[in-house]
């Protein structure tokens, strides 16, 4: 068994943070795309990502009002504890090394999304668009295409600044000329990166990879766009992200066959 332990500062009072960790509507605003069930001891909660075909049922093992929630799934344990102006996350499971790194990266993106939700959109429903392609290549190669200027410009757009450490300011000019600027929210070297997209009403744009269980040499490469408001150009943004990820898939295929 191995444990992931992360702390995320949050701009909210303890009671509001606890509600974000324990109400189905709030969980869907930052964690899973859809959440069903009640967070009460002895009950179960279903988390799902319909567009990815992923569904997970968690047991609610412990609830301490305004302080802590503990979920379980088989031998795995997930604890979310309100403390020190934020939340501690402790996730224990029989991770192998790849799953450990990938899960930790996913949690960093989720927790940073929670921070944006509480600071800018508390109480609003989240919408998520997934642009995805299956490609051959390592997570490290995908991350290079996410963060290195020369590679990023071949599929998504040009960048002013560095897609580096958390809170580093970034300004992207997408292929359409659309601007996407804001701080880096999460960046796991060799894995995933997320930025706050100010021009799209403080939404979250994440560049991610997930393993293909049936093919260890392949990855699902994804752009996920989380937003909490209806945007007049939302449809155009979704189409642009779809085109970009398809282009990246072709670049990775070409890279792998070179």
C-alpha atoms as a PDB file:
ATOM      1  CA  UNK A   1       0.000   0.000   0.000  1.00  0.00           C
ATOM      2  CA  UNK A   2       1.212   3.497  -0.842  1.00  0.00           C
ATOM      3  CA  UNK A   3      -0.150   6.902   0.180  1.00  0.00           C
ATOM      4  CA  UNK A   4      -0.541  10.153  -1.730  1.00  0.00           C
ATOM      5  CA  UNK A   5      -0.629  13.152   0.630  1.00  0.00           C
ATOM      6  CA  UNK A   6      -1.356  16.639  -0.703  1.00  0.00           C
ATOM      7  CA  UNK A   7      -2.358  19.979   0.820  1.00  0.00           C
ATOM      8  CA  UNK A   8      -4.336  22.605  -1.106  1.00  0.00           C
ATOM      9  CA  UNK A   9      -4.863  26.122   0.329  1.00  0.00           C
ATOM     10  CA  UNK A  10      -8.437  27.257  -0.278  1.00  0.00           C
ATOM     11  CA  UNK A  11      -9.997  30.746  -0.216  1.00  0.00           C
ATOM     12  CA  UNK A  12     -13.058  29.889   1.881  1.00  0.00           C
ATOM     13  CA  UNK A  13     -14.214  29.368   5.430  1.00  0.00           C
ATOM     14  CA  UNK A  14     -13.973  25.844   6.914  1.00  0.00           C
ATOM     15  CA  UNK A  15     -17.729  25.222   6.681  1.00  0.00           C
ATOM     16  CA  UNK A  16     -17.802  26.136   2.989  1.00  0.00           C
ATOM     17  CA  UNK A  17     -14.758  23.984   2.287  1.00  0.00           C
ATOM     18  CA  UNK A  18     -16.394  21.045   4.058  1.00  0.00           C
ATOM     19  CA  UNK A  19     -19.543  21.458   1.966  1.00  0.00           C
ATOM     20  CA  UNK A  20     -17.428  21.345  -1.191  1.00  0.00           C
ATOM     21  CA  UNK A  21     -16.048  18.004   0.006  1.00  0.00           C
ATOM     22  CA  UNK A  22     -19.307  16.476   1.173  1.00  0.00           C
ATOM     23  CA  UNK A  23     -22.216  17.606  -1.050  1.00  0.00           C
ATOM     24  CA  UNK A  24     -22.826  15.808  -4.341  1.00  0.00           C
ATOM     25  CA  UNK A  25     -23.450  19.051  -6.257  1.00  0.00           C
ATOM     26  CA  UNK A  26     -20.226  20.574  -4.973  1.00  0.00           C
ATOM     27  CA  UNK A  27     -18.165  17.439  -5.642  1.00  0.00           C
ATOM     28  CA  UNK A  28     -19.337  17.555  -9.253  1.00  0.00           C
ATOM     29  CA  UNK A  29     -18.139  21.158  -9.434  1.00  0.00           C
ATOM     30  CA  UNK A  30     -14.479  20.170  -9.073  1.00  0.00           C
ATOM     31  CA  UNK A  31     -13.921  16.401  -8.951  1.00  0.00           C
ATOM     32  CA  UNK A  32     -15.988  13.912 -10.963  1.00  0.00           C
ATOM     33  CA  UNK A  33     -18.083  15.071 -13.916  1.00  0.00           C
ATOM     34  CA  UNK A  34     -21.209  13.596 -12.300  1.00  0.00           C
ATOM     35  CA  UNK A  35     -21.872  12.588  -8.680  1.00  0.00           C
ATOM     36  CA  UNK A  36     -24.823  10.639  -7.302  1.00  0.00           C
ATOM     37  CA  UNK A  37     -25.667   9.710  -3.735  1.00  0.00           C
ATOM     38  CA  UNK A  38     -25.428  11.231  -0.282  1.00  0.00           C
ATOM     39  CA  UNK A  39     -22.226  11.683   1.693  1.00  0.00           C
ATOM     40  CA  UNK A  40     -23.411  10.096   4.932  1.00  0.00           C
ATOM     41  CA  UNK A  41     -21.782   7.342   6.951  1.00  0.00           C
ATOM     42  CA  UNK A  42     -22.733   3.914   5.613  1.00  0.00           C
ATOM     43  CA  UNK A  43     -23.994   5.245   2.278  1.00  0.00           C
ATOM     44  CA  UNK A  44     -22.372   5.028  -1.145  1.00  0.00           C
ATOM     45  CA  UNK A  45     -21.503   7.736  -3.638  1.00  0.00           C
ATOM     46  CA  UNK A  46     -21.109   7.167  -7.377  1.00  0.00           C
ATOM     47  CA  UNK A  47     -18.525   9.233  -9.233  1.00  0.00           C
ATOM     48  CA  UNK A  48     -18.541   9.117 -13.013  1.00  0.00           C
ATOM     49  CA  UNK A  49     -16.875  10.611 -16.049  1.00  0.00           C
ATOM     50  CA  UNK A  50     -19.388   9.614 -18.758  1.00  0.00           C
ATOM     51  CA  UNK A  51     -17.398  10.858 -21.747  1.00  0.00           C
ATOM     52  CA  UNK A  52     -14.420   8.783 -20.616  1.00  0.00           C
ATOM     53  CA  UNK A  53     -16.492   5.720 -19.784  1.00  0.00           C
ATOM     54  CA  UNK A  54     -15.304   5.740 -16.156  1.00  0.00           C
ATOM     55  CA  UNK A  55     -17.501   5.004 -13.135  1.00  0.00           C
ATOM     56  CA  UNK A  56     -16.469   4.525  -9.495  1.00  0.00           C
ATOM     57  CA  UNK A  57     -18.544   3.684  -6.445  1.00  0.00           C
ATOM     58  CA  UNK A  58     -17.198   4.779  -3.053  1.00  0.00           C
ATOM     59  CA  UNK A  59     -18.332   3.801   0.428  1.00  0.00           C
ATOM     60  CA  UNK A  60     -18.693   6.640   2.932  1.00  0.00           C
ATOM     61  CA  UNK A  61     -16.787   5.295   5.935  1.00  0.00           C
ATOM     62  CA  UNK A  62     -16.573   8.347   8.175  1.00  0.00           C
ATOM     63  CA  UNK A  63     -18.016  11.866   8.347  1.00  0.00           C
ATOM     64  CA  UNK A  64     -16.977  14.437  10.946  1.00  0.00           C
ATOM     65  CA  UNK A  65     -19.087  17.568  10.471  1.00  0.00           C
ATOM     66  CA  UNK A  66     -17.158  20.584   9.173  1.00  0.00           C
ATOM     67  CA  UNK A  67     -13.898  18.664   9.432  1.00  0.00           C
ATOM     68  CA  UNK A  68     -13.418  15.355   7.624  1.00  0.00           C
ATOM     69  CA  UNK A  69     -14.840  12.834   5.156  1.00  0.00           C
ATOM     70  CA  UNK A  70     -13.393   9.353   4.600  1.00  0.00           C
ATOM     71  CA  UNK A  71     -14.290   7.273   1.535  1.00  0.00           C
ATOM     72  CA  UNK A  72     -13.337   3.706   0.750  1.00  0.00           C
ATOM     73  CA  UNK A  73     -13.212   1.359  -2.218  1.00  0.00           C
ATOM     74  CA  UNK A  74     -12.030  -2.138  -1.427  1.00  0.00           C
ATOM     75  CA  UNK A  75      -8.649  -1.796   0.293  1.00  0.00           C
ATOM     76  CA  UNK A  76      -8.293   1.835  -0.846  1.00  0.00           C
ATOM     77  CA  UNK A  77      -8.962   4.758   1.511  1.00  0.00           C
ATOM     78  CA  UNK A  78      -9.471   8.437   0.640  1.00  0.00           C
ATOM     79  CA  UNK A  79      -9.469  11.026   3.412  1.00  0.00           C
ATOM     80  CA  UNK A  80     -10.335  14.699   2.896  1.00  0.00           C
ATOM     81  CA  UNK A  81      -9.686  16.849   5.967  1.00  0.00           C
ATOM     82  CA  UNK A  82     -10.346  20.566   6.406  1.00  0.00           C
ATOM     83  CA  UNK A  83      -7.371  22.216   8.157  1.00  0.00           C
ATOM     84  CA  UNK A  84      -5.070  25.248   8.095  1.00  0.00           C
ATOM     85  CA  UNK A  85      -7.110  27.262   5.593  1.00  0.00           C
ATOM     86  CA  UNK A  86      -7.369  24.453   3.091  1.00  0.00           C
ATOM     87  CA  UNK A  87      -7.745  20.710   2.674  1.00  0.00           C
ATOM     88  CA  UNK A  88      -5.459  17.757   3.278  1.00  0.00           C
ATOM     89  CA  UNK A  89      -5.922  14.841   0.908  1.00  0.00           C
ATOM     90  CA  UNK A  90      -4.604  11.396   1.828  1.00  0.00           C
ATOM     91  CA  UNK A  91      -5.215   8.588  -0.658  1.00  0.00           C
ATOM     92  CA  UNK A  92      -3.953   5.111   0.239  1.00  0.00           C
ATOM     93  CA  UNK A  93      -4.195   2.220  -2.221  1.00  0.00           C
ATOM     94  CA  UNK A  94      -2.113  -0.624  -3.734  1.00  0.00           C
ATOM     95  CA  UNK A  95      -0.637   1.694  -6.378  1.00  0.00           C
ATOM     96  CA  UNK A  96       2.096   0.623  -8.761  1.00  0.00           C
ATOM     97  CA  UNK A  97       4.567   3.377  -9.666  1.00  0.00           C
ATOM     98  CA  UNK A  98       2.800   4.504 -12.847  1.00  0.00           C
ATOM     99  CA  UNK A  99      -0.619   4.583 -11.191  1.00  0.00           C
ATOM    100  CA  UNK A 100       0.786   6.367  -8.135  1.00  0.00           C
ATOM    101  CA  UNK A 101       2.269   9.185 -10.218  1.00  0.00           C
ATOM    102  CA  UNK A 102      -0.777   9.447 -12.466  1.00  0.00           C
ATOM    103  CA  UNK A 103      -3.239   9.515  -9.566  1.00  0.00           C
ATOM    104  CA  UNK A 104      -1.222  12.144  -7.695  1.00  0.00           C
ATOM    105  CA  UNK A 105      -1.162  14.292 -10.839  1.00  0.00           C
ATOM    106  CA  UNK A 106      -4.933  13.923 -11.264  1.00  0.00           C
ATOM    107  CA  UNK A 107      -5.494  14.984  -7.661  1.00  0.00           C
ATOM    108  CA  UNK A 108      -3.324  18.088  -8.102  1.00  0.00           C
ATOM    109  CA  UNK A 109      -5.502  19.167 -11.011  1.00  0.00           C
ATOM    110  CA  UNK A 110      -8.722  18.394  -9.131  1.00  0.00           C
ATOM    111  CA  UNK A 111      -7.650  20.290  -6.010  1.00  0.00           C
ATOM    112  CA  UNK A 112      -6.525  23.324  -8.000  1.00  0.00           C
ATOM    113  CA  UNK A 113      -9.883  23.231  -9.799  1.00  0.00           C
ATOM    114  CA  UNK A 114     -11.551  23.224  -6.372  1.00  0.00           C
ATOM    115  CA  UNK A 115      -9.622  26.383  -5.498  1.00  0.00           C
ATOM    116  CA  UNK A 116     -10.834  28.145  -8.663  1.00  0.00           C
ATOM    117  CA  UNK A 117     -14.399  26.967  -7.997  1.00  0.00           C
ATOM    118  CA  UNK A 118     -14.469  28.304  -4.435  1.00  0.00           C
ATOM    119  CA  UNK A 119     -12.747  31.588  -5.286  1.00  0.00           C
ATOM    120  CA  UNK A 120     -14.754  32.472  -8.428  1.00  0.00           C
ATOM    121  CA  UNK A 121     -17.750  30.209  -8.979  1.00  0.00           C
ATOM    122  CA  UNK A 122     -18.963  28.812  -5.644  1.00  0.00           C
ATOM    123  CA  UNK A 123     -22.435  27.306  -5.996  1.00  0.00           C
ATOM    124  CA  UNK A 124     -22.386  27.173  -9.812  1.00  0.00           C
ATOM    125  CA  UNK A 125     -22.660  23.947 -11.787  1.00  0.00           C
ATOM    126  CA  UNK A 126     -19.579  22.907 -13.732  1.00  0.00           C
ATOM    127  CA  UNK A 127     -19.508  21.899 -17.392  1.00  0.00           C
ATOM    128  CA  UNK A 128     -16.613  19.820 -18.694  1.00  0.00           C
ATOM    129  CA  UNK A 129     -15.555  19.335 -22.296  1.00  0.00           C
ATOM    130  CA  UNK A 130     -13.163  16.474 -23.029  1.00  0.00           C
ATOM    131  CA  UNK A 131     -11.171  16.572 -26.252  1.00  0.00           C
ATOM    132  CA  UNK A 132      -9.405  13.218 -26.483  1.00  0.00           C
ATOM    133  CA  UNK A 133      -7.309  11.101 -28.797  1.00  0.00           C
ATOM    134  CA  UNK A 134      -5.537   7.778 -28.411  1.00  0.00           C
ATOM    135  CA  UNK A 135      -1.870   7.908 -29.363  1.00  0.00           C
ATOM    136  CA  UNK A 136       1.304   5.916 -28.936  1.00  0.00           C
ATOM    137  CA  UNK A 137       3.944   7.558 -26.815  1.00  0.00           C
ATOM    138  CA  UNK A 138       5.117   7.940 -23.248  1.00  0.00           C
ATOM    139  CA  UNK A 139       3.621  10.279 -20.665  1.00  0.00           C
ATOM    140  CA  UNK A 140       6.934  12.171 -20.687  1.00  0.00           C
ATOM    141  CA  UNK A 141       6.720  12.740 -24.455  1.00  0.00           C
ATOM    142  CA  UNK A 142       3.148  13.998 -24.117  1.00  0.00           C
ATOM    143  CA  UNK A 143       4.218  16.361 -21.323  1.00  0.00           C
ATOM    144  CA  UNK A 144       6.953  17.731 -23.587  1.00  0.00           C
ATOM    145  CA  UNK A 145       4.278  18.572 -26.175  1.00  0.00           C
ATOM    146  CA  UNK A 146       2.293  20.239 -23.371  1.00  0.00           C
ATOM    147  CA  UNK A 147       5.102  22.434 -22.040  1.00  0.00           C
ATOM    148  CA  UNK A 148       7.933  22.994 -24.522  1.00  0.00           C
ATOM    149  CA  UNK A 149       7.391  26.115 -26.644  1.00  0.00           C
ATOM    150  CA  UNK A 150       8.575  24.632 -29.931  1.00  0.00           C
ATOM    151  CA  UNK A 151       6.419  21.517 -29.578  1.00  0.00           C
ATOM    152  CA  UNK A 152       3.377  23.325 -28.163  1.00  0.00           C
ATOM    153  CA  UNK A 153       3.336  25.677 -31.148  1.00  0.00           C
ATOM    154  CA  UNK A 154       2.953  22.739 -33.554  1.00  0.00           C
ATOM    155  CA  UNK A 155      -0.555  21.861 -32.313  1.00  0.00           C
ATOM    156  CA  UNK A 156      -2.114  24.251 -29.780  1.00  0.00           C
ATOM    157  CA  UNK A 157      -0.601  27.702 -30.105  1.00  0.00           C
ATOM    158  CA  UNK A 158       2.282  29.982 -29.258  1.00  0.00           C
ATOM    159  CA  UNK A 159       3.146  30.716 -25.657  1.00  0.00           C
ATOM    160  CA  UNK A 160       4.528  33.828 -23.978  1.00  0.00           C
ATOM    161  CA  UNK A 161       6.186  32.741 -20.772  1.00  0.00           C
ATOM    162  CA  UNK A 162       6.987  29.325 -19.431  1.00  0.00           C
ATOM    163  CA  UNK A 163       4.574  26.519 -18.642  1.00  0.00           C
ATOM    164  CA  UNK A 164       6.558  25.773 -15.524  1.00  0.00           C
ATOM    165  CA  UNK A 165       5.933  25.792 -11.809  1.00  0.00           C
ATOM    166  CA  UNK A 166       2.638  26.550 -10.066  1.00  0.00           C
ATOM    167  CA  UNK A 167       1.644  30.256 -10.126  1.00  0.00           C
ATOM    168  CA  UNK A 168       3.910  30.992 -13.112  1.00  0.00           C
ATOM    169  CA  UNK A 169       2.000  33.356 -15.453  1.00  0.00           C
ATOM    170  CA  UNK A 170       1.335  31.987 -18.939  1.00  0.00           C
ATOM    171  CA  UNK A 171      -0.150  33.597 -22.049  1.00  0.00           C
ATOM    172  CA  UNK A 172      -1.191  31.331 -24.910  1.00  0.00           C
ATOM    173  CA  UNK A 173      -2.268  32.484 -28.342  1.00  0.00           C
ATOM    174  CA  UNK A 174      -4.325  29.652 -29.780  1.00  0.00           C
ATOM    175  CA  UNK A 175      -4.383  28.794 -33.481  1.00  0.00           C
ATOM    176  CA  UNK A 176      -7.524  30.897 -33.967  1.00  0.00           C
ATOM    177  CA  UNK A 177      -5.877  33.903 -32.329  1.00  0.00           C
ATOM    178  CA  UNK A 178      -7.902  33.363 -29.161  1.00  0.00           C
ATOM    179  CA  UNK A 179      -5.973  34.297 -26.013  1.00  0.00           C
ATOM    180  CA  UNK A 180      -5.700  31.985 -23.009  1.00  0.00           C
ATOM    181  CA  UNK A 181      -3.775  33.534 -20.141  1.00  0.00           C
ATOM    182  CA  UNK A 182      -3.477  32.928 -16.436  1.00  0.00           C
ATOM    183  CA  UNK A 183      -1.313  31.241 -13.833  1.00  0.00           C
ATOM    184  CA  UNK A 184      -0.232  27.606 -13.890  1.00  0.00           C
ATOM    185  CA  UNK A 185      -2.488  25.792 -11.420  1.00  0.00           C
ATOM    186  CA  UNK A 186      -0.813  22.374 -11.415  1.00  0.00           C
ATOM    187  CA  UNK A 187       2.167  20.851 -13.166  1.00  0.00           C
ATOM    188  CA  UNK A 188       3.450  17.337 -12.584  1.00  0.00           C
ATOM    189  CA  UNK A 189       6.724  16.855 -14.487  1.00  0.00           C
ATOM    190  CA  UNK A 190       6.372  14.151 -17.103  1.00  0.00           C
ATOM    191  CA  UNK A 191       2.576  14.084 -16.643  1.00  0.00           C
ATOM    192  CA  UNK A 192      -0.046  16.811 -16.758  1.00  0.00           C
ATOM    193  CA  UNK A 193      -0.465  20.571 -16.533  1.00  0.00           C
ATOM    194  CA  UNK A 194      -3.420  22.887 -15.858  1.00  0.00           C
ATOM    195  CA  UNK A 195      -3.826  26.642 -16.237  1.00  0.00           C
ATOM    196  CA  UNK A 196      -6.453  29.155 -15.184  1.00  0.00           C
ATOM    197  CA  UNK A 197      -8.075  30.633 -18.300  1.00  0.00           C
ATOM    198  CA  UNK A 198      -8.989  34.207 -17.408  1.00  0.00           C
ATOM    199  CA  UNK A 199     -10.435  35.175 -20.801  1.00  0.00           C
ATOM    200  CA  UNK A 200     -12.928  32.290 -20.598  1.00  0.00           C
ATOM    201  CA  UNK A 201     -14.434  33.514 -17.314  1.00  0.00           C
ATOM    202  CA  UNK A 202     -11.756  32.022 -15.077  1.00  0.00           C
ATOM    203  CA  UNK A 203     -12.199  28.491 -16.331  1.00  0.00           C
ATOM    204  CA  UNK A 204      -9.622  25.690 -16.113  1.00  0.00           C
ATOM    205  CA  UNK A 205      -7.802  24.190 -19.091  1.00  0.00           C
ATOM    206  CA  UNK A 206      -5.906  20.964 -18.380  1.00  0.00           C
ATOM    207  CA  UNK A 207      -3.551  19.058 -20.689  1.00  0.00           C
ATOM    208  CA  UNK A 208      -3.507  15.443 -19.581  1.00  0.00           C
ATOM    209  CA  UNK A 209      -2.578  11.857 -20.338  1.00  0.00           C
ATOM    210  CA  UNK A 210      -4.147   8.617 -19.118  1.00  0.00           C
ATOM    211  CA  UNK A 211      -2.935   5.057 -19.654  1.00  0.00           C
ATOM    212  CA  UNK A 212      -4.621   2.650 -22.055  1.00  0.00           C
ATOM    213  CA  UNK A 213      -4.993  -0.497 -19.992  1.00  0.00           C
ATOM    214  CA  UNK A 214      -4.991  -2.797 -23.018  1.00  0.00           C
ATOM    215  CA  UNK A 215      -1.855  -1.260 -24.546  1.00  0.00           C
ATOM    216  CA  UNK A 216       1.015  -0.139 -22.266  1.00  0.00           C
ATOM    217  CA  UNK A 217       2.692   1.725 -25.141  1.00  0.00           C
ATOM    218  CA  UNK A 218      -0.344   3.919 -25.818  1.00  0.00           C
ATOM    219  CA  UNK A 219      -1.846   6.885 -23.980  1.00  0.00           C
ATOM    220  CA  UNK A 220      -5.115   8.739 -24.034  1.00  0.00           C
ATOM    221  CA  UNK A 221      -4.114  12.362 -24.625  1.00  0.00           C
ATOM    222  CA  UNK A 222      -6.699  14.865 -23.459  1.00  0.00           C
ATOM    223  CA  UNK A 223      -7.628  18.504 -23.182  1.00  0.00           C
ATOM    224  CA  UNK A 224     -10.218  19.040 -20.465  1.00  0.00           C
ATOM    225  CA  UNK A 225     -11.969  22.379 -20.190  1.00  0.00           C
ATOM    226  CA  UNK A 226     -13.922  23.045 -16.976  1.00  0.00           C
ATOM    227  CA  UNK A 227     -16.158  26.104 -16.907  1.00  0.00           C
ATOM    228  CA  UNK A 228     -18.971  27.231 -14.637  1.00  0.00           C
ATOM    229  CA  UNK A 229     -20.821  29.691 -16.891  1.00  0.00           C
ATOM    230  CA  UNK A 230     -22.365  29.791 -20.350  1.00  0.00           C
ATOM    231  CA  UNK A 231     -19.990  31.544 -22.711  1.00  0.00           C
ATOM    232  CA  UNK A 232     -21.175  33.008 -26.027  1.00  0.00           C
ATOM    233  CA  UNK A 233     -18.178  31.483 -27.814  1.00  0.00           C
ATOM    234  CA  UNK A 234     -18.250  28.191 -25.905  1.00  0.00           C
ATOM    235  CA  UNK A 235     -19.082  26.117 -28.968  1.00  0.00           C
ATOM    236  CA  UNK A 236     -16.201  27.653 -30.924  1.00  0.00           C
ATOM    237  CA  UNK A 237     -13.801  26.956 -28.046  1.00  0.00           C
ATOM    238  CA  UNK A 238     -14.869  23.314 -27.894  1.00  0.00           C
ATOM    239  CA  UNK A 239     -14.360  22.891 -31.641  1.00  0.00           C
ATOM    240  CA  UNK A 240     -10.919  24.485 -31.430  1.00  0.00           C
ATOM    241  CA  UNK A 241      -9.871  22.162 -28.603  1.00  0.00           C
ATOM    242  CA  UNK A 242     -11.117  19.141 -30.569  1.00  0.00           C
ATOM    243  CA  UNK A 243      -9.102  20.193 -33.629  1.00  0.00           C
ATOM    244  CA  UNK A 244      -6.007  20.801 -31.530  1.00  0.00           C
ATOM    245  CA  UNK A 245      -6.063  17.398 -29.848  1.00  0.00           C
ATOM    246  CA  UNK A 246      -6.570  15.658 -33.195  1.00  0.00           C
ATOM    247  CA  UNK A 247      -3.519  17.496 -34.525  1.00  0.00           C
ATOM    248  CA  UNK A 248      -1.503  16.486 -31.466  1.00  0.00           C
ATOM    249  CA  UNK A 249      -2.487  12.875 -32.036  1.00  0.00           C
ATOM    250  CA  UNK A 250      -1.070  13.068 -35.554  1.00  0.00           C
ATOM    251  CA  UNK A 251       2.115  14.724 -34.276  1.00  0.00           C
ATOM    252  CA  UNK A 252       2.634  11.976 -31.696  1.00  0.00           C
ATOM    253  CA  UNK A 253       2.036   9.313 -34.343  1.00  0.00           C
ATOM    254  CA  UNK A 254       4.602  10.952 -36.607  1.00  0.00           C
ATOM    255  CA  UNK A 255       7.043  11.326 -33.718  1.00  0.00           C
ATOM    256  CA  UNK A 256       6.686   7.666 -32.787  1.00  0.00           C
ATOM    257  CA  UNK A 257       7.270   6.457 -36.348  1.00  0.00           C
ATOM    258  CA  UNK A 258      10.279   8.715 -37.016  1.00  0.00           C
END
